[in-house]
Amino acid sequence: MNLKVGNAHVGDVVRLVGGGPWMTVVSVGNCGTTVRTNWFEPDLENSGAFSGLKDGFFPVESLQVKES
């Protein structure tokens, strides 16, 4: 399900509508139109390892929520 403005919550697990890694919402912008997310980037040289924690800001409407 795609997110709508005002429906994002800290702790939601989301990803870009076009695909990509699952991310956790860590903060929601003042008007509920953007979110900050964290995710782990896989280490392509070491199978099963992660190269580190990444973060980014995204428009809410560009994200979909993981179905539980």
C-alpha atoms as a PDB file:
ATOM      1  CA  MET A   1       0.000   0.000   0.000  1.00  0.00           C
ATOM      2  CA  ASN A   2       1.380   3.414  -0.936  1.00  0.00           C
ATOM      3  CA  LEU A   3       1.766   5.967   1.836  1.00  0.00           C
ATOM      4  CA  LYS A   4      -0.337   9.127   1.816  1.00  0.00           C
ATOM      5  CA  VAL A   5       0.561  12.529   3.264  1.00  0.00           C
ATOM      6  CA  GLY A   6      -0.090  12.479   7.015  1.00  0.00           C
ATOM      7  CA  ASN A   7      -0.168   8.649   7.276  1.00  0.00           C
ATOM      8  CA  ALA A   8       3.542   7.954   7.908  1.00  0.00           C
ATOM      9  CA  HIS A   9       4.639   6.942  11.411  1.00  0.00           C
ATOM     10  CA  VAL A  10       8.014   6.398  13.055  1.00  0.00           C
ATOM     11  CA  GLY A  11       8.732   2.674  12.927  1.00  0.00           C
ATOM     12  CA  ASP A  12       6.916   2.010   9.636  1.00  0.00           C
ATOM     13  CA  VAL A  13       8.839  -0.300   7.288  1.00  0.00           C
ATOM     14  CA  VAL A  14       8.776   1.179   3.788  1.00  0.00           C
ATOM     15  CA  ARG A  15      10.515   1.125   0.428  1.00  0.00           C
ATOM     16  CA  LEU A  16      10.404   3.171  -2.746  1.00  0.00           C
ATOM     17  CA  VAL A  17       7.454   2.388  -4.986  1.00  0.00           C
ATOM     18  CA  GLY A  18       9.940   1.536  -7.740  1.00  0.00           C
ATOM     19  CA  GLY A  19      11.741  -1.001  -5.512  1.00  0.00           C
ATOM     20  CA  GLY A  20      14.879  -1.025  -3.421  1.00  0.00           C
ATOM     21  CA  PRO A  21      15.765  -1.988   0.148  1.00  0.00           C
ATOM     22  CA  TRP A  22      13.275  -2.044   3.000  1.00  0.00           C
ATOM     23  CA  MET A  23      13.811   1.008   5.232  1.00  0.00           C
ATOM     24  CA  THR A  24      12.594   2.071   8.666  1.00  0.00           C
ATOM     25  CA  VAL A  25      10.967   5.498   9.120  1.00  0.00           C
ATOM     26  CA  VAL A  26      12.925   7.317  11.856  1.00  0.00           C
ATOM     27  CA  SER A  27      11.244  10.733  11.630  1.00  0.00           C
ATOM     28  CA  VAL A  28       8.343  12.445   9.875  1.00  0.00           C
ATOM     29  CA  GLY A  29       8.569  16.009   8.539  1.00  0.00           C
ATOM     30  CA  ASN A  30       6.473  18.822  10.046  1.00  0.00           C
ATOM     31  CA  CYS A  31       3.701  18.674   7.455  1.00  0.00           C
ATOM     32  CA  GLY A  32       3.837  14.878   7.055  1.00  0.00           C
ATOM     33  CA  THR A  33       4.975  15.185   3.446  1.00  0.00           C
ATOM     34  CA  THR A  34       8.509  13.798   3.910  1.00  0.00           C
ATOM     35  CA  VAL A  35      10.151  11.113   6.027  1.00  0.00           C
ATOM     36  CA  ARG A  36      13.691  10.283   7.070  1.00  0.00           C
ATOM     37  CA  THR A  37      14.565   6.604   6.793  1.00  0.00           C
ATOM     38  CA  ASN A  38      17.423   4.253   7.774  1.00  0.00           C
ATOM     39  CA  TRP A  39      18.476   1.028   6.068  1.00  0.00           C
ATOM     40  CA  PHE A  40      21.480  -1.282   5.907  1.00  0.00           C
ATOM     41  CA  GLU A  41      23.505  -1.385   2.707  1.00  0.00           C
ATOM     42  CA  PRO A  42      24.693  -4.891   1.751  1.00  0.00           C
ATOM     43  CA  ASP A  43      28.440  -5.423   1.373  1.00  0.00           C
ATOM     44  CA  LEU A  44      28.684  -6.861  -2.137  1.00  0.00           C
ATOM     45  CA  GLU A  45      32.183  -8.242  -1.515  1.00  0.00           C
ATOM     46  CA  ASN A  46      31.251 -10.212   1.636  1.00  0.00           C
ATOM     47  CA  SER A  47      28.093 -12.267   1.218  1.00  0.00           C
ATOM     48  CA  GLY A  48      25.720 -11.818   4.143  1.00  0.00           C
ATOM     49  CA  ALA A  49      27.575  -8.803   5.538  1.00  0.00           C
ATOM     50  CA  PHE A  50      26.477  -5.175   5.645  1.00  0.00           C
ATOM     51  CA  SER A  51      28.666  -2.199   4.802  1.00  0.00           C
ATOM     52  CA  GLY A  52      26.877   0.210   7.096  1.00  0.00           C
ATOM     53  CA  LEU A  53      23.788   2.111   8.067  1.00  0.00           C
ATOM     54  CA  LYS A  54      22.466   4.516   5.435  1.00  0.00           C
ATOM     55  CA  ASP A  55      19.829   7.233   5.709  1.00  0.00           C
ATOM     56  CA  GLY A  56      17.807   9.396   3.383  1.00  0.00           C
ATOM     57  CA  PHE A  57      14.857  11.763   3.056  1.00  0.00           C
ATOM     58  CA  PHE A  58      11.962  10.859   0.779  1.00  0.00           C
ATOM     59  CA  PRO A  59       8.560  12.285  -0.188  1.00  0.00           C
ATOM     60  CA  VAL A  60       5.878  10.212   1.548  1.00  0.00           C
ATOM     61  CA  GLU A  61       4.021   9.532  -1.695  1.00  0.00           C
ATOM     62  CA  SER A  62       7.124   7.871  -3.215  1.00  0.00           C
ATOM     63  CA  LEU A  63       7.002   5.078  -0.614  1.00  0.00           C
ATOM     64  CA  GLN A  64       4.995   1.933  -0.002  1.00  0.00           C
ATOM     65  CA  VAL A  65       4.432   0.296   3.383  1.00  0.00           C
ATOM     66  CA  LYS A  66       5.449  -3.330   3.960  1.00  0.00           C
ATOM     67  CA  GLU A  67       2.397  -5.538   4.411  1.00  0.00           C
ATOM     68  CA  SER A  68       2.403  -7.363   7.729  1.00  0.00           C
END
